[in-house]
PDB file of all heavy atoms in Angstrom:
ATOM      1  N   ALA A   1       0.804  -1.188  -0.089  1.00  0.00           N
ATOM      2  CA  ALA A   1       0.000   0.044   0.011  1.00  0.00           C
ATOM      3  C   ALA A   1       0.814   1.301  -0.040  1.00  0.00           C
ATOM      4  O   ALA A   1       0.585   2.200  -0.772  1.00  0.00           O
ATOM      5  CB  ALA A   1      -0.955  -0.012   1.218  1.00  0.00           C
ATOM      6  N   GLU A   2       1.941   1.275   0.833  1.00  0.00           N
ATOM      7  CA  GLU A   2       2.793   2.427   0.812  1.00  0.00           C
ATOM      8  C   GLU A   2       3.555   2.633  -0.467  1.00  0.00           C
ATOM      9  O   GLU A   2       3.778   3.728  -1.037  1.00  0.00           O
ATOM     10  CB  GLU A   2       3.749   2.170   1.990  1.00  0.00           C
ATOM     11  CG  GLU A   2       4.697   3.333   2.145  1.00  0.00           C
ATOM     12  CD  GLU A   2       4.008   4.545   2.667  1.00  0.00           C
ATOM     13  OE1 GLU A   2       2.946   4.420   3.291  1.00  0.00           O
ATOM     14  OE2 GLU A   2       4.516   5.711   2.454  1.00  0.00           O
ATOM     15  N   ALA A   3       3.917   1.390  -1.198  1.00  0.00           N
ATOM     16  CA  ALA A   3       4.586   1.506  -2.504  1.00  0.00           C
ATOM     17  C   ALA A   3       3.667   2.232  -3.466  1.00  0.00           C
ATOM     18  O   ALA A   3       4.040   3.042  -4.336  1.00  0.00           O
ATOM     19  CB  ALA A   3       5.013   0.094  -2.866  1.00  0.00           C
ATOM     20  N   TYR A   4       2.398   1.750  -3.478  1.00  0.00           N
ATOM     21  CA  TYR A   4       1.454   2.321  -4.446  1.00  0.00           C
ATOM     22  C   TYR A   4       1.250   3.815  -4.164  1.00  0.00           C
ATOM     23  O   TYR A   4       1.346   4.628  -5.114  1.00  0.00           O
ATOM     24  CB  TYR A   4       0.143   1.638  -4.298  1.00  0.00           C
ATOM     25  CG  TYR A   4      -1.012   2.122  -5.130  1.00  0.00           C
ATOM     26  CD1 TYR A   4      -1.095   1.948  -6.519  1.00  0.00           C
ATOM     27  CD2 TYR A   4      -1.877   3.092  -4.576  1.00  0.00           C
ATOM     28  CE1 TYR A   4      -1.948   2.492  -7.314  1.00  0.00           C
ATOM     29  CE2 TYR A   4      -2.919   3.661  -5.413  1.00  0.00           C
ATOM     30  CZ  TYR A   4      -2.980   3.321  -6.830  1.00  0.00           C
ATOM     31  OH  TYR A   4      -3.923   3.860  -7.576  1.00  0.00           O
ATOM     32  N   GLN A   5       1.130   4.150  -2.970  1.00  0.00           N
ATOM     33  CA  GLN A   5       0.935   5.581  -2.549  1.00  0.00           C
ATOM     34  C   GLN A   5       2.263   6.362  -2.980  1.00  0.00           C
ATOM     35  O   GLN A   5       2.130   7.492  -3.526  1.00  0.00           O
ATOM     36  CB  GLN A   5       0.697   5.765  -1.136  1.00  0.00           C
ATOM     37  CG  GLN A   5       0.364   7.208  -0.664  1.00  0.00           C
ATOM     38  CD  GLN A   5       0.101   7.230   0.851  1.00  0.00           C
ATOM     39  OE1 GLN A   5       0.194   6.265   1.617  1.00  0.00           O
ATOM     40  NE2 GLN A   5      -0.215   8.394   1.286  1.00  0.00           N
ATOM     41  N   ALA A   6       3.465   5.763  -2.725  1.00  0.00           N
ATOM     42  CA  ALA A   6       4.676   6.456  -3.127  1.00  0.00           C
ATOM     43  C   ALA A   6       4.829   6.638  -4.605  1.00  0.00           C
ATOM     44  O   ALA A   6       5.303   7.603  -5.140  1.00  0.00           O
ATOM     45  CB  ALA A   6       5.857   5.641  -2.575  1.00  0.00           C
ATOM     46  N   PHE A   7       4.413   5.633  -5.432  1.00  0.00           N
ATOM     47  CA  PHE A   7       4.376   5.686  -6.785  1.00  0.00           C
ATOM     48  C   PHE A   7       3.503   6.781  -7.274  1.00  0.00           C
ATOM     49  O   PHE A   7       3.763   7.551  -8.184  1.00  0.00           O
ATOM     50  CB  PHE A   7       4.057   4.368  -7.492  1.00  0.00           C
ATOM     51  CG  PHE A   7       4.055   4.357  -8.933  1.00  0.00           C
ATOM     52  CD1 PHE A   7       5.240   4.459  -9.600  1.00  0.00           C
ATOM     53  CD2 PHE A   7       2.819   4.333  -9.689  1.00  0.00           C
ATOM     54  CE1 PHE A   7       5.321   4.344 -11.006  1.00  0.00           C
ATOM     55  CE2 PHE A   7       2.930   4.376 -11.123  1.00  0.00           C
ATOM     56  CZ  PHE A   7       4.052   4.393 -11.749  1.00  0.00           C
ATOM     57  N   GLU A   8       2.275   6.856  -6.741  1.00  0.00           N
ATOM     58  CA  GLU A   8       1.309   7.962  -7.158  1.00  0.00           C
ATOM     59  C   GLU A   8       1.915   9.342  -6.784  1.00  0.00           C
ATOM     60  O   GLU A   8       1.832  10.220  -7.624  1.00  0.00           O
ATOM     61  CB  GLU A   8       0.012   7.845  -6.447  1.00  0.00           C
ATOM     62  CG  GLU A   8      -0.809   6.648  -6.848  1.00  0.00           C
ATOM     63  CD  GLU A   8      -1.184   6.744  -8.271  1.00  0.00           C
ATOM     64  OE1 GLU A   8      -1.599   7.767  -8.814  1.00  0.00           O
ATOM     65  OE2 GLU A   8      -1.078   5.668  -9.085  1.00  0.00           O
ATOM     66  N   GLU A   9       2.467   9.470  -5.612  1.00  0.00           N
ATOM     67  CA  GLU A   9       3.117  10.819  -5.235  1.00  0.00           C
ATOM     68  C   GLU A   9       4.268  11.030  -6.196  1.00  0.00           C
ATOM     69  O   GLU A   9       4.565  12.241  -6.701  1.00  0.00           O
ATOM     70  CB  GLU A   9       3.670  10.658  -3.777  1.00  0.00           C
ATOM     71  CG  GLU A   9       4.318  11.885  -3.284  1.00  0.00           C
ATOM     72  CD  GLU A   9       3.415  13.191  -3.434  1.00  0.00           C
ATOM     73  OE1 GLU A   9       2.200  13.044  -3.200  1.00  0.00           O
ATOM     74  OE2 GLU A   9       4.000  14.296  -3.730  1.00  0.00           O
ATOM     75  N   ARG A  10       5.046  10.137  -6.606  1.00  0.00           N
ATOM     76  CA  ARG A  10       6.145  10.255  -7.658  1.00  0.00           C
ATOM     77  C   ARG A  10       5.600  10.813  -8.914  1.00  0.00           C
ATOM     78  O   ARG A  10       6.176  11.644  -9.488  1.00  0.00           O
ATOM     79  CB  ARG A  10       6.920   8.957  -7.696  1.00  0.00           C
ATOM     80  CG  ARG A  10       7.951   8.946  -8.855  1.00  0.00           C
ATOM     81  CD  ARG A  10       9.326   9.518  -8.228  1.00  0.00           C
ATOM     82  NE  ARG A  10      10.317   9.600  -9.220  1.00  0.00           N
ATOM     83  CZ  ARG A  10      11.245   8.745  -9.440  1.00  0.00           C
ATOM     84  NH1 ARG A  10      11.312   7.624  -8.683  1.00  0.00           N
ATOM     85  NH2 ARG A  10      12.117   8.874 -10.283  1.00  0.00           N
ATOM     86  N   LYS A  11       4.464  10.150  -9.370  1.00  0.00           N
ATOM     87  CA  LYS A  11       3.988  10.744 -10.590  1.00  0.00           C
ATOM     88  C   LYS A  11       3.504  12.185 -10.452  1.00  0.00           C
ATOM     89  O   LYS A  11       3.686  12.929 -11.385  1.00  0.00           O
ATOM     90  CB  LYS A  11       2.675   9.794 -11.008  1.00  0.00           C
ATOM     91  CG  LYS A  11       3.022   8.411 -11.479  1.00  0.00           C
ATOM     92  CD  LYS A  11       1.839   7.649 -12.150  1.00  0.00           C
ATOM     93  CE  LYS A  11       0.491   7.846 -11.514  1.00  0.00           C
ATOM     94  NZ  LYS A  11      -0.386   7.012 -12.063  1.00  0.00           N
ATOM     95  N   HIS A  12       2.873  12.499  -9.346  1.00  0.00           N
ATOM     96  CA  HIS A  12       2.461  13.856  -9.156  1.00  0.00           C
ATOM     97  C   HIS A  12       3.625  14.794  -9.149  1.00  0.00           C
ATOM     98  O   HIS A  12       3.631  15.865  -9.682  1.00  0.00           O
ATOM     99  CB  HIS A  12       1.630  14.009  -7.869  1.00  0.00           C
ATOM    100  CG  HIS A  12       0.279  13.379  -7.965  1.00  0.00           C
ATOM    101  ND1 HIS A  12      -0.734  13.780  -8.905  1.00  0.00           N
ATOM    102  CD2 HIS A  12      -0.276  12.344  -7.262  1.00  0.00           C
ATOM    103  CE1 HIS A  12      -1.702  13.071  -8.583  1.00  0.00           C
ATOM    104  NE2 HIS A  12      -1.528  12.134  -7.730  1.00  0.00           N
ATOM    105  N   GLN A  13       4.636  14.308  -8.524  1.00  0.00           N
ATOM    106  CA  GLN A  13       5.896  15.170  -8.441  1.00  0.00           C
ATOM    107  C   GLN A  13       6.559  15.441  -9.792  1.00  0.00           C
ATOM    108  O   GLN A  13       6.952  16.493 -10.197  1.00  0.00           O
ATOM    109  CB  GLN A  13       6.932  14.525  -7.507  1.00  0.00           C
ATOM    110  CG  GLN A  13       8.306  15.381  -7.342  1.00  0.00           C
ATOM    111  CD  GLN A  13       7.990  16.789  -6.793  1.00  0.00           C
ATOM    112  OE1 GLN A  13       7.095  16.936  -6.013  1.00  0.00           O
ATOM    113  NE2 GLN A  13       8.751  17.727  -7.188  1.00  0.00           N
ATOM    114  N   VAL A  14       6.481  14.346 -10.661  1.00  0.00           N
ATOM    115  CA  VAL A  14       7.069  14.492 -12.039  1.00  0.00           C
ATOM    116  C   VAL A  14       6.243  15.414 -12.755  1.00  0.00           C
ATOM    117  O   VAL A  14       6.724  16.361 -13.505  1.00  0.00           O
ATOM    118  CB  VAL A  14       7.258  13.052 -12.684  1.00  0.00           C
ATOM    119  CG1 VAL A  14       7.355  13.225 -14.102  1.00  0.00           C
ATOM    120  CG2 VAL A  14       8.283  12.290 -11.969  1.00  0.00           C
ATOM    121  N   ARG A  15       4.846  15.349 -12.632  1.00  0.00           N
ATOM    122  CA  ARG A  15       4.043  16.239 -13.349  1.00  0.00           C
ATOM    123  C   ARG A  15       4.320  17.744 -12.932  1.00  0.00           C
ATOM    124  O   ARG A  15       4.185  18.578 -13.715  1.00  0.00           O
ATOM    125  CB  ARG A  15       2.472  15.773 -13.116  1.00  0.00           C
ATOM    126  CG  ARG A  15       1.542  16.555 -13.912  1.00  0.00           C
ATOM    127  CD  ARG A  15       0.098  15.928 -13.745  1.00  0.00           C
ATOM    128  NE  ARG A  15       0.102  14.564 -14.337  1.00  0.00           N
ATOM    129  CZ  ARG A  15      -0.483  13.447 -13.615  1.00  0.00           C
ATOM    130  NH1 ARG A  15      -0.947  13.674 -12.484  1.00  0.00           N
ATOM    131  NH2 ARG A  15      -0.382  12.382 -14.271  1.00  0.00           N
ATOM    132  N   ARG A  16       4.361  17.896 -11.645  1.00  0.00           N
ATOM    133  CA  ARG A  16       4.627  19.368 -11.142  1.00  0.00           C
ATOM    134  C   ARG A  16       5.937  19.834 -11.690  1.00  0.00           C
ATOM    135  O   ARG A  16       6.065  20.923 -12.068  1.00  0.00           O
ATOM    136  CB  ARG A  16       4.703  19.343  -9.619  1.00  0.00           C
ATOM    137  CG  ARG A  16       3.275  19.454  -9.002  1.00  0.00           C
ATOM    138  CD  ARG A  16       3.501  19.618  -7.511  1.00  0.00           C
ATOM    139  NE  ARG A  16       3.872  18.158  -7.061  1.00  0.00           N
ATOM    140  CZ  ARG A  16       3.549  17.589  -5.924  1.00  0.00           C
ATOM    141  NH1 ARG A  16       2.953  18.227  -4.980  1.00  0.00           N
ATOM    142  NH2 ARG A  16       3.967  16.383  -5.688  1.00  0.00           N
ATOM    143  N   THR A  17       6.940  19.012 -11.665  1.00  0.00           N
ATOM    144  CA  THR A  17       8.315  19.502 -12.226  1.00  0.00           C
ATOM    145  C   THR A  17       8.189  19.827 -13.700  1.00  0.00           C
ATOM    146  O   THR A  17       8.701  20.759 -14.170  1.00  0.00           O
ATOM    147  CB  THR A  17       9.319  18.241 -11.988  1.00  0.00           C
ATOM    148  OG1 THR A  17       9.379  17.936 -10.674  1.00  0.00           O
ATOM    149  CG2 THR A  17      10.677  18.748 -12.499  1.00  0.00           C
ATOM    150  N   GLY A  18       7.372  18.988 -14.473  1.00  0.00           N
ATOM    151  CA  GLY A  18       7.238  19.315 -15.926  1.00  0.00           C
ATOM    152  C   GLY A  18       6.511  20.617 -16.034  1.00  0.00           C
ATOM    153  O   GLY A  18       6.864  21.422 -16.983  1.00  0.00           O
ATOM    154  N   GLU A  19       5.485  20.871 -15.203  1.00  0.00           N
ATOM    155  CA  GLU A  19       4.742  22.153 -15.259  1.00  0.00           C
ATOM    156  C   GLU A  19       5.755  23.328 -14.970  1.00  0.00           C
ATOM    157  O   GLU A  19       5.657  24.355 -15.677  1.00  0.00           O
ATOM    158  CB  GLU A  19       3.575  22.148 -14.335  1.00  0.00           C
ATOM    159  CG  GLU A  19       2.464  21.256 -14.840  1.00  0.00           C
ATOM    160  CD  GLU A  19       1.355  21.011 -13.829  1.00  0.00           C
ATOM    161  OE1 GLU A  19       1.449  21.553 -12.637  1.00  0.00           O
ATOM    162  OE2 GLU A  19       0.363  20.316 -14.154  1.00  0.00           O
ATOM    163  N   GLU A  20       6.626  23.059 -13.934  1.00  0.00           N
ATOM    164  CA  GLU A  20       7.415  24.219 -13.625  1.00  0.00           C
ATOM    165  C   GLU A  20       8.548  24.558 -14.843  1.00  0.00           C
ATOM    166  O   GLU A  20       8.780  25.630 -15.142  1.00  0.00           O
ATOM    167  CB  GLU A  20       8.267  23.814 -12.417  1.00  0.00           C
ATOM    168  CG  GLU A  20       7.529  23.875 -11.133  1.00  0.00           C
ATOM    169  CD  GLU A  20       8.350  23.280  -9.921  1.00  0.00           C
ATOM    170  OE1 GLU A  20       9.601  23.137 -10.107  1.00  0.00           O
ATOM    171  OE2 GLU A  20       7.785  23.168  -8.809  1.00  0.00           O
ATOM    172  N   ILE A  21       8.882  23.411 -15.446  1.00  0.00           N
ATOM    173  CA  ILE A  21       9.913  23.575 -16.444  1.00  0.00           C
ATOM    174  C   ILE A  21       9.127  24.259 -17.679  1.00  0.00           C
ATOM    175  O   ILE A  21       9.823  25.167 -18.373  1.00  0.00           O
ATOM    176  CB  ILE A  21      10.474  22.193 -16.931  1.00  0.00           C
ATOM    177  CG1 ILE A  21      11.451  21.695 -15.848  1.00  0.00           C
ATOM    178  CG2 ILE A  21      11.208  22.246 -18.288  1.00  0.00           C
ATOM    179  CD1 ILE A  21      11.912  20.344 -16.140  1.00  0.00           C
ATOM    180  N   SER A  22       7.993  23.895 -17.968  1.00  0.00           N
ATOM    181  CA  SER A  22       7.219  24.510 -19.186  1.00  0.00           C
ATOM    182  C   SER A  22       6.949  26.037 -18.808  1.00  0.00           C
ATOM    183  O   SER A  22       7.054  26.825 -19.675  1.00  0.00           O
ATOM    184  CB  SER A  22       5.966  23.837 -19.427  1.00  0.00           C
ATOM    185  OG  SER A  22       4.977  23.888 -18.299  1.00  0.00           O
ATOM    186  N   THR A  23       6.762  26.332 -17.546  1.00  0.00           N
ATOM    187  CA  THR A  23       6.609  27.717 -17.221  1.00  0.00           C
ATOM    188  C   THR A  23       7.889  28.533 -17.364  1.00  0.00           C
ATOM    189  O   THR A  23       7.867  29.675 -17.866  1.00  0.00           O
ATOM    190  CB  THR A  23       6.196  27.856 -15.664  1.00  0.00           C
ATOM    191  OG1 THR A  23       4.897  27.098 -15.565  1.00  0.00           O
ATOM    192  CG2 THR A  23       5.852  29.253 -15.283  1.00  0.00           C
ATOM    193  N   ARG A  24       9.019  27.847 -16.953  1.00  0.00           N
ATOM    194  CA  ARG A  24      10.356  28.618 -17.087  1.00  0.00           C
ATOM    195  C   ARG A  24      10.618  28.883 -18.602  1.00  0.00           C
ATOM    196  O   ARG A  24      11.378  29.722 -18.988  1.00  0.00           O
ATOM    197  CB  ARG A  24      11.444  27.707 -16.504  1.00  0.00           C
ATOM    198  CG  ARG A  24      11.370  27.768 -15.035  1.00  0.00           C
ATOM    199  CD  ARG A  24      12.523  26.978 -14.510  1.00  0.00           C
ATOM    200  NE  ARG A  24      12.311  26.522 -13.077  1.00  0.00           N
ATOM    201  CZ  ARG A  24      12.844  25.533 -12.536  1.00  0.00           C
ATOM    202  NH1 ARG A  24      13.784  24.883 -13.161  1.00  0.00           N
ATOM    203  NH2 ARG A  24      12.605  25.149 -11.295  1.00  0.00           N
ATOM    204  N   LEU A  25      10.093  27.928 -19.503  1.00  0.00           N
ATOM    205  CA  LEU A  25      10.457  28.098 -20.879  1.00  0.00           C
ATOM    206  C   LEU A  25       9.589  29.199 -21.623  1.00  0.00           C
ATOM    207  O   LEU A  25       9.827  29.484 -22.798  1.00  0.00           O
ATOM    208  CB  LEU A  25      10.219  26.684 -21.570  1.00  0.00           C
ATOM    209  CG  LEU A  25      11.283  25.658 -21.237  1.00  0.00           C
ATOM    210  CD1 LEU A  25      10.841  24.349 -21.902  1.00  0.00           C
ATOM    211  CD2 LEU A  25      12.665  26.030 -21.602  1.00  0.00           C
ATOM    212  N   LEU A  26       8.680  29.653 -20.829  1.00  0.00           N
ATOM    213  CA  LEU A  26       7.806  30.702 -21.422  1.00  0.00           C
ATOM    214  C   LEU A  26       8.572  31.974 -21.716  1.00  0.00           C
ATOM    215  O   LEU A  26       8.416  32.654 -22.728  1.00  0.00           O
ATOM    216  CB  LEU A  26       6.627  31.052 -20.601  1.00  0.00           C
ATOM    217  CG  LEU A  26       5.441  29.982 -20.666  1.00  0.00           C
ATOM    218  CD1 LEU A  26       4.426  30.461 -19.650  1.00  0.00           C
ATOM    219  CD2 LEU A  26       4.817  30.006 -21.956  1.00  0.00           C
ATOM    220  N   VAL A  27       9.536  32.381 -20.845  1.00  0.00           N
ATOM    221  CA  VAL A  27      10.148  33.599 -21.008  1.00  0.00           C
ATOM    222  C   VAL A  27      11.044  33.582 -22.221  1.00  0.00           C
ATOM    223  O   VAL A  27      11.031  34.446 -23.149  1.00  0.00           O
ATOM    224  CB  VAL A  27      11.025  33.986 -19.713  1.00  0.00           C
ATOM    225  CG1 VAL A  27      11.955  35.122 -19.998  1.00  0.00           C
ATOM    226  CG2 VAL A  27      10.075  34.282 -18.599  1.00  0.00           C
ATOM    227  N   PRO A  28      11.865  32.496 -22.449  1.00  0.00           N
ATOM    228  CA  PRO A  28      12.641  32.498 -23.690  1.00  0.00           C
ATOM    229  C   PRO A  28      11.767  32.431 -24.927  1.00  0.00           C
ATOM    230  O   PRO A  28      12.143  32.966 -25.974  1.00  0.00           O
ATOM    231  CB  PRO A  28      13.498  31.115 -23.560  1.00  0.00           C
ATOM    232  CG  PRO A  28      13.523  30.874 -22.096  1.00  0.00           C
ATOM    233  CD  PRO A  28      12.271  31.416 -21.467  1.00  0.00           C
ATOM    234  N   MET A  29      10.719  31.698 -24.811  1.00  0.00           N
ATOM    235  CA  MET A  29       9.797  31.600 -25.945  1.00  0.00           C
ATOM    236  C   MET A  29       9.329  32.982 -26.371  1.00  0.00           C
ATOM    237  O   MET A  29       9.206  33.336 -27.517  1.00  0.00           O
ATOM    238  CB  MET A  29       8.607  30.715 -25.672  1.00  0.00           C
ATOM    239  CG  MET A  29       7.724  30.435 -26.927  1.00  0.00           C
ATOM    240  SD  MET A  29       6.540  29.211 -26.645  1.00  0.00           S
ATOM    241  CE  MET A  29       5.475  30.052 -25.444  1.00  0.00           C
ATOM    242  N   PHE A  30       8.894  33.843 -25.413  1.00  0.00           N
ATOM    243  CA  PHE A  30       8.392  35.077 -25.706  1.00  0.00           C
ATOM    244  C   PHE A  30       9.581  36.002 -26.232  1.00  0.00           C
ATOM    245  O   PHE A  30       9.360  36.887 -27.046  1.00  0.00           O
ATOM    246  CB  PHE A  30       7.686  35.752 -24.541  1.00  0.00           C
ATOM    247  CG  PHE A  30       6.300  35.299 -24.338  1.00  0.00           C
ATOM    248  CD1 PHE A  30       5.901  34.701 -23.094  1.00  0.00           C
ATOM    249  CD2 PHE A  30       5.278  35.617 -25.315  1.00  0.00           C
ATOM    250  CE1 PHE A  30       4.633  34.240 -22.928  1.00  0.00           C
ATOM    251  CE2 PHE A  30       4.045  35.188 -25.077  1.00  0.00           C
ATOM    252  CZ  PHE A  30       3.727  34.450 -24.005  1.00  0.00           C
ATOM    253  N   MET A  31      10.738  35.867 -25.710  1.00  0.00           N
ATOM    254  CA  MET A  31      11.903  36.571 -26.276  1.00  0.00           C
ATOM    255  C   MET A  31      12.085  36.200 -27.727  1.00  0.00           C
ATOM    256  O   MET A  31      12.349  37.107 -28.560  1.00  0.00           O
ATOM    257  CB  MET A  31      13.095  36.332 -25.458  1.00  0.00           C
ATOM    258  CG  MET A  31      13.055  36.986 -24.041  1.00  0.00           C
ATOM    259  SD  MET A  31      14.428  36.420 -22.897  1.00  0.00           S
ATOM    260  CE  MET A  31      15.764  36.955 -23.784  1.00  0.00           C
ATOM    261  N   MET A  32      12.065  34.981 -28.068  1.00  0.00           N
ATOM    262  CA  MET A  32      12.183  34.591 -29.406  1.00  0.00           C
ATOM    263  C   MET A  32      11.109  35.036 -30.287  1.00  0.00           C
ATOM    264  O   MET A  32      11.313  35.559 -31.431  1.00  0.00           O
ATOM    265  CB  MET A  32      12.216  32.990 -29.561  1.00  0.00           C
ATOM    266  CG  MET A  32      13.538  32.465 -28.955  1.00  0.00           C
ATOM    267  SD  MET A  32      13.836  30.683 -29.182  1.00  0.00           S
ATOM    268  CE  MET A  32      12.289  29.951 -29.334  1.00  0.00           C
ATOM    269  N   PHE A  33       9.878  35.192 -29.740  1.00  0.00           N
ATOM    270  CA  PHE A  33       8.746  35.771 -30.493  1.00  0.00           C
ATOM    271  C   PHE A  33       8.998  37.177 -30.806  1.00  0.00           C
ATOM    272  O   PHE A  33       8.695  37.719 -31.872  1.00  0.00           O
ATOM    273  CB  PHE A  33       7.494  35.569 -29.631  1.00  0.00           C
ATOM    274  CG  PHE A  33       6.230  36.149 -30.291  1.00  0.00           C
ATOM    275  CD1 PHE A  33       5.669  35.576 -31.527  1.00  0.00           C
ATOM    276  CD2 PHE A  33       5.661  37.212 -29.775  1.00  0.00           C
ATOM    277  CE1 PHE A  33       4.613  36.136 -32.156  1.00  0.00           C
ATOM    278  CE2 PHE A  33       4.465  37.747 -30.412  1.00  0.00           C
ATOM    279  CZ  PHE A  33       4.011  37.183 -31.537  1.00  0.00           C
ATOM    280  N   GLY A  34       9.550  37.918 -29.760  1.00  0.00           N
ATOM    281  CA  GLY A  34       9.903  39.330 -30.014  1.00  0.00           C
ATOM    282  C   GLY A  34      10.974  39.476 -31.032  1.00  0.00           C
ATOM    283  O   GLY A  34      10.900  40.413 -31.908  1.00  0.00           O
ATOM    284  N   VAL A  35      11.996  38.681 -31.072  1.00  0.00           N
ATOM    285  CA  VAL A  35      13.007  38.695 -32.123  1.00  0.00           C
ATOM    286  C   VAL A  35      12.396  38.507 -33.443  1.00  0.00           C
ATOM    287  O   VAL A  35      12.728  39.245 -34.415  1.00  0.00           O
ATOM    288  CB  VAL A  35      14.121  37.722 -31.810  1.00  0.00           C
ATOM    289  CG1 VAL A  35      15.020  37.652 -32.970  1.00  0.00           C
ATOM    290  CG2 VAL A  35      14.835  38.086 -30.554  1.00  0.00           C
ATOM    291  N   VAL A  36      11.523  37.449 -33.580  1.00  0.00           N
ATOM    292  CA  VAL A  36      10.840  37.251 -34.911  1.00  0.00           C
ATOM    293  C   VAL A  36       9.992  38.471 -35.348  1.00  0.00           C
ATOM    294  O   VAL A  36      10.089  38.795 -36.451  1.00  0.00           O
ATOM    295  CB  VAL A  36       9.973  35.969 -34.837  1.00  0.00           C
ATOM    296  CG1 VAL A  36       9.055  35.763 -35.972  1.00  0.00           C
ATOM    297  CG2 VAL A  36      10.989  34.686 -34.648  1.00  0.00           C
ATOM    298  N   LEU A  37       9.289  39.017 -34.475  1.00  0.00           N
ATOM    299  CA  LEU A  37       8.580  40.207 -34.814  1.00  0.00           C
ATOM    300  C   LEU A  37       9.363  41.360 -35.338  1.00  0.00           C
ATOM    301  O   LEU A  37       9.058  41.991 -36.199  1.00  0.00           O
ATOM    302  CB  LEU A  37       7.719  40.699 -33.548  1.00  0.00           C
ATOM    303  CG  LEU A  37       6.451  39.906 -33.339  1.00  0.00           C
ATOM    304  CD1 LEU A  37       5.745  40.470 -31.960  1.00  0.00           C
ATOM    305  CD2 LEU A  37       5.518  39.976 -34.485  1.00  0.00           C
ATOM    306  N   ILE A  38      10.586  41.555 -34.559  1.00  0.00           N
ATOM    307  CA  ILE A  38      11.475  42.657 -35.008  1.00  0.00           C
ATOM    308  C   ILE A  38      12.016  42.323 -36.431  1.00  0.00           C
ATOM    309  O   ILE A  38      12.186  43.166 -37.228  1.00  0.00           O
ATOM    310  CB  ILE A  38      12.639  42.752 -33.892  1.00  0.00           C
ATOM    311  CG1 ILE A  38      12.130  43.339 -32.710  1.00  0.00           C
ATOM    312  CG2 ILE A  38      13.731  43.598 -34.591  1.00  0.00           C
ATOM    313  CD1 ILE A  38      13.074  43.347 -31.491  1.00  0.00           C
ATOM    314  N   ILE A  39      12.380  40.965 -36.668  1.00  0.00           N
ATOM    315  CA  ILE A  39      12.932  40.635 -37.925  1.00  0.00           C
ATOM    316  C   ILE A  39      11.920  40.840 -39.073  1.00  0.00           C
ATOM    317  O   ILE A  39      12.186  41.379 -40.175  1.00  0.00           O
ATOM    318  CB  ILE A  39      13.328  39.145 -37.926  1.00  0.00           C
ATOM    319  CG1 ILE A  39      14.569  38.955 -37.140  1.00  0.00           C
ATOM    320  CG2 ILE A  39      13.679  38.577 -39.273  1.00  0.00           C
ATOM    321  CD1 ILE A  39      14.992  37.540 -36.780  1.00  0.00           C
ATOM    322  N   ILE A  40      10.631  40.760 -38.677  1.00  0.00           N
ATOM    323  CA  ILE A  40       9.507  40.890 -39.742  1.00  0.00           C
ATOM    324  C   ILE A  40       9.160  42.474 -39.936  1.00  0.00           C
ATOM    325  O   ILE A  40       9.043  42.891 -41.001  1.00  0.00           O
ATOM    326  CB  ILE A  40       8.240  40.063 -39.406  1.00  0.00           C
ATOM    327  CG1 ILE A  40       8.684  38.514 -39.502  1.00  0.00           C
ATOM    328  CG2 ILE A  40       7.131  40.408 -40.265  1.00  0.00           C
ATOM    329  CD1 ILE A  40       7.608  37.630 -38.996  1.00  0.00           C
ATOM    330  N   LEU A  41       9.014  43.094 -38.686  1.00  0.00           N
ATOM    331  CA  LEU A  41       8.578  44.463 -38.708  1.00  0.00           C
ATOM    332  C   LEU A  41       9.617  45.500 -39.208  1.00  0.00           C
ATOM    333  O   LEU A  41       9.235  46.487 -39.859  1.00  0.00           O
ATOM    334  CB  LEU A  41       8.084  44.826 -37.410  1.00  0.00           C
ATOM    335  CG  LEU A  41       6.751  44.166 -36.990  1.00  0.00           C
ATOM    336  CD1 LEU A  41       6.371  44.581 -35.525  1.00  0.00           C
ATOM    337  CD2 LEU A  41       5.576  44.534 -37.899  1.00  0.00           C
TER     338      LEU A  41
END
């Protein structure tokens, strides 16, 4: 029972880490978008 609960918690932790990483990647993505706009405009 503890192993099952630990595995579920591990899945949630991995999901949270993935969300944090995707949030961190937003800033570089918007910077690249700005560069593309400058190149076009």
